[in-house]
């Protein structure tokens, strides 16, 4: 359990560092727009409840996939294909910045090494 909390602390710290990067802020905003637009689409077009549509969008963008849901309309299938190709790149780019923030040395350590 301690290991979980230490890992969670490290993740939160990395997210805090990543939010200081302008590119991460842009990617985060794009992911939020993708989640909002995808959720809206699946609610309106496929008739899913909001929480199910949001869940489907999150598992689609994170490349996990949803084993039991498949769009029923042709337009829904076309949208999903475009959503996967466009959204996965943006989402993976954002995760890359979080990973970068995790391995980047804090400013205090950089200053001490430079002296």
C-alpha atoms as a PDB file:
ATOM      1  CA  UNK A   1       0.000   0.000   0.000  1.00  0.00           C
ATOM      2  CA  UNK A   2       2.887   2.354   0.735  1.00  0.00           C
ATOM      3  CA  UNK A   3       4.280   1.698  -2.725  1.00  0.00           C
ATOM      4  CA  UNK A   4       0.949   2.724  -4.267  1.00  0.00           C
ATOM      5  CA  UNK A   5       0.910   6.034  -2.397  1.00  0.00           C
ATOM      6  CA  UNK A   6       4.539   6.770  -3.281  1.00  0.00           C
ATOM      7  CA  UNK A   7       3.798   6.089  -6.943  1.00  0.00           C
ATOM      8  CA  UNK A   8       0.654   8.229  -6.776  1.00  0.00           C
ATOM      9  CA  UNK A   9       2.668  11.056  -5.203  1.00  0.00           C
ATOM     10  CA  UNK A  10       5.243  10.800  -7.996  1.00  0.00           C
ATOM     11  CA  UNK A  11       2.478  10.888 -10.638  1.00  0.00           C
ATOM     12  CA  UNK A  12       0.816  13.949  -9.102  1.00  0.00           C
ATOM     13  CA  UNK A  13       4.191  15.693  -8.915  1.00  0.00           C
ATOM     14  CA  UNK A  14       4.856  14.858 -12.586  1.00  0.00           C
ATOM     15  CA  UNK A  15       1.436  16.196 -13.595  1.00  0.00           C
ATOM     16  CA  UNK A  16       2.172  19.405 -11.692  1.00  0.00           C
ATOM     17  CA  UNK A  17       5.509  19.747 -13.521  1.00  0.00           C
ATOM     18  CA  UNK A  18       3.928  18.911 -16.879  1.00  0.00           C
ATOM     19  CA  UNK A  19       1.274  21.611 -16.459  1.00  0.00           C
ATOM     20  CA  UNK A  20       4.087  24.175 -16.427  1.00  0.00           C
ATOM     21  CA  UNK A  21       4.970  23.226 -20.017  1.00  0.00           C
ATOM     22  CA  UNK A  22       3.065  25.151 -22.704  1.00  0.00           C
ATOM     23  CA  UNK A  23       2.907  22.181 -25.098  1.00  0.00           C
ATOM     24  CA  UNK A  24       1.379  20.010 -22.384  1.00  0.00           C
ATOM     25  CA  UNK A  25      -1.256  22.655 -21.700  1.00  0.00           C
ATOM     26  CA  UNK A  26      -2.203  22.679 -25.380  1.00  0.00           C
ATOM     27  CA  UNK A  27      -2.365  18.888 -25.571  1.00  0.00           C
ATOM     28  CA  UNK A  28      -4.384  18.698 -22.337  1.00  0.00           C
ATOM     29  CA  UNK A  29      -6.866  21.214 -23.731  1.00  0.00           C
ATOM     30  CA  UNK A  30      -7.135  19.232 -26.968  1.00  0.00           C
ATOM     31  CA  UNK A  31      -7.793  16.012 -25.028  1.00  0.00           C
ATOM     32  CA  UNK A  32     -10.538  17.745 -23.033  1.00  0.00           C
ATOM     33  CA  UNK A  33     -12.103  19.024 -26.278  1.00  0.00           C
ATOM     34  CA  UNK A  34     -11.882  15.531 -27.766  1.00  0.00           C
ATOM     35  CA  UNK A  35     -13.521  13.996 -24.700  1.00  0.00           C
ATOM     36  CA  UNK A  36     -16.297  16.594 -24.725  1.00  0.00           C
ATOM     37  CA  UNK A  37     -16.962  16.316 -28.456  1.00  0.00           C
ATOM     38  CA  UNK A  38     -16.810  12.516 -28.449  1.00  0.00           C
ATOM     39  CA  UNK A  39     -19.123  12.275 -25.453  1.00  0.00           C
ATOM     40  CA  UNK A  40     -21.572  14.679 -27.071  1.00  0.00           C
ATOM     41  CA  UNK A  41     -21.473  12.721 -30.325  1.00  0.00           C
ATOM     42  CA  UNK A  42     -22.120   9.327 -28.718  1.00  0.00           C
ATOM     43  CA  UNK A  43     -24.943  10.722 -26.595  1.00  0.00           C
ATOM     44  CA  UNK A  44     -26.640  12.357 -29.585  1.00  0.00           C
ATOM     45  CA  UNK A  45     -25.885   9.826 -32.346  1.00  0.00           C
ATOM     46  CA  UNK A  46     -25.703   6.486 -30.538  1.00  0.00           C
ATOM     47  CA  UNK A  47     -28.090   7.238 -27.681  1.00  0.00           C
ATOM     48  CA  UNK A  48     -25.638   6.353 -24.899  1.00  0.00           C
ATOM     49  CA  UNK A  49     -26.018   7.780 -21.400  1.00  0.00           C
ATOM     50  CA  UNK A  50     -23.485  10.555 -20.693  1.00  0.00           C
ATOM     51  CA  UNK A  51     -21.317   8.532 -18.303  1.00  0.00           C
ATOM     52  CA  UNK A  52     -21.195   5.560 -20.707  1.00  0.00           C
ATOM     53  CA  UNK A  53     -20.283   7.825 -23.612  1.00  0.00           C
ATOM     54  CA  UNK A  54     -17.533   9.498 -21.582  1.00  0.00           C
ATOM     55  CA  UNK A  55     -16.234   6.106 -20.456  1.00  0.00           C
ATOM     56  CA  UNK A  56     -16.160   4.881 -24.061  1.00  0.00           C
ATOM     57  CA  UNK A  57     -14.244   8.012 -25.131  1.00  0.00           C
ATOM     58  CA  UNK A  58     -11.667   7.622 -22.349  1.00  0.00           C
ATOM     59  CA  UNK A  59     -10.995   3.938 -23.064  1.00  0.00           C
ATOM     60  CA  UNK A  60     -10.811   4.686 -26.787  1.00  0.00           C
ATOM     61  CA  UNK A  61      -8.329   7.551 -26.421  1.00  0.00           C
ATOM     62  CA  UNK A  62      -6.192   5.610 -23.965  1.00  0.00           C
ATOM     63  CA  UNK A  63      -5.965   2.730 -26.503  1.00  0.00           C
ATOM     64  CA  UNK A  64      -7.547   0.254 -24.087  1.00  0.00           C
ATOM     65  CA  UNK A  65     -10.695  -0.247 -26.123  1.00  0.00           C
ATOM     66  CA  UNK A  66     -14.175  -1.265 -25.051  1.00  0.00           C
ATOM     67  CA  UNK A  67     -14.968  -4.958 -25.587  1.00  0.00           C
ATOM     68  CA  UNK A  68     -18.762  -4.769 -25.499  1.00  0.00           C
ATOM     69  CA  UNK A  69     -19.661  -1.507 -27.249  1.00  0.00           C
ATOM     70  CA  UNK A  70     -19.611  -0.977 -30.959  1.00  0.00           C
ATOM     71  CA  UNK A  71     -21.251   1.963 -32.748  1.00  0.00           C
ATOM     72  CA  UNK A  72     -24.535   0.913 -34.347  1.00  0.00           C
ATOM     73  CA  UNK A  73     -24.826   3.575 -37.056  1.00  0.00           C
ATOM     74  CA  UNK A  74     -22.644   3.942 -40.119  1.00  0.00           C
ATOM     75  CA  UNK A  75     -21.955   7.566 -39.199  1.00  0.00           C
ATOM     76  CA  UNK A  76     -20.984   6.420 -35.693  1.00  0.00           C
ATOM     77  CA  UNK A  77     -18.510   3.911 -37.106  1.00  0.00           C
ATOM     78  CA  UNK A  78     -16.944   6.509 -39.405  1.00  0.00           C
ATOM     79  CA  UNK A  79     -16.701   9.021 -36.558  1.00  0.00           C
ATOM     80  CA  UNK A  80     -15.103   6.388 -34.312  1.00  0.00           C
ATOM     81  CA  UNK A  81     -12.428   5.582 -36.894  1.00  0.00           C
ATOM     82  CA  UNK A  82     -11.512   9.253 -37.241  1.00  0.00           C
ATOM     83  CA  UNK A  83     -11.727   9.727 -33.457  1.00  0.00           C
ATOM     84  CA  UNK A  84      -9.312   6.847 -32.866  1.00  0.00           C
ATOM     85  CA  UNK A  85      -6.686   8.010 -35.362  1.00  0.00           C
ATOM     86  CA  UNK A  86      -6.852  11.669 -34.370  1.00  0.00           C
ATOM     87  CA  UNK A  87      -7.371  11.242 -30.651  1.00  0.00           C
ATOM     88  CA  UNK A  88      -4.818   8.553 -29.900  1.00  0.00           C
ATOM     89  CA  UNK A  89      -1.963  10.661 -31.217  1.00  0.00           C
ATOM     90  CA  UNK A  90      -2.966  13.641 -29.104  1.00  0.00           C
ATOM     91  CA  UNK A  91      -3.506  11.500 -25.999  1.00  0.00           C
ATOM     92  CA  UNK A  92      -0.203   9.646 -26.370  1.00  0.00           C
ATOM     93  CA  UNK A  93       1.580  12.971 -26.899  1.00  0.00           C
ATOM     94  CA  UNK A  94       0.111  14.248 -23.637  1.00  0.00           C
ATOM     95  CA  UNK A  95       1.181  11.082 -21.794  1.00  0.00           C
ATOM     96  CA  UNK A  96       4.663  11.560 -23.268  1.00  0.00           C
ATOM     97  CA  UNK A  97       4.898  14.969 -21.602  1.00  0.00           C
ATOM     98  CA  UNK A  98       3.854  13.446 -18.262  1.00  0.00           C
ATOM     99  CA  UNK A  99       6.605  10.835 -18.669  1.00  0.00           C
ATOM    100  CA  UNK A 100       9.069  13.600 -19.538  1.00  0.00           C
ATOM    101  CA  UNK A 101       8.086  15.492 -16.394  1.00  0.00           C
ATOM    102  CA  UNK A 102       8.580  12.327 -14.318  1.00  0.00           C
ATOM    103  CA  UNK A 103      12.164  11.815 -15.440  1.00  0.00           C
ATOM    104  CA  UNK A 104      13.147  15.476 -15.565  1.00  0.00           C
ATOM    105  CA  UNK A 105      15.224  16.676 -12.644  1.00  0.00           C
ATOM    106  CA  UNK A 106      13.669  19.382 -10.460  1.00  0.00           C
ATOM    107  CA  UNK A 107      15.108  22.895 -10.821  1.00  0.00           C
ATOM    108  CA  UNK A 108      16.775  22.744  -7.381  1.00  0.00           C
ATOM    109  CA  UNK A 109      18.774  19.673  -8.358  1.00  0.00           C
ATOM    110  CA  UNK A 110      19.761  21.251 -11.704  1.00  0.00           C
ATOM    111  CA  UNK A 111      21.085  24.359  -9.965  1.00  0.00           C
ATOM    112  CA  UNK A 112      23.090  22.288  -7.456  1.00  0.00           C
ATOM    113  CA  UNK A 113      24.668  20.217 -10.236  1.00  0.00           C
ATOM    114  CA  UNK A 114      25.554  23.319 -12.268  1.00  0.00           C
ATOM    115  CA  UNK A 115      27.436  24.909  -9.353  1.00  0.00           C
END
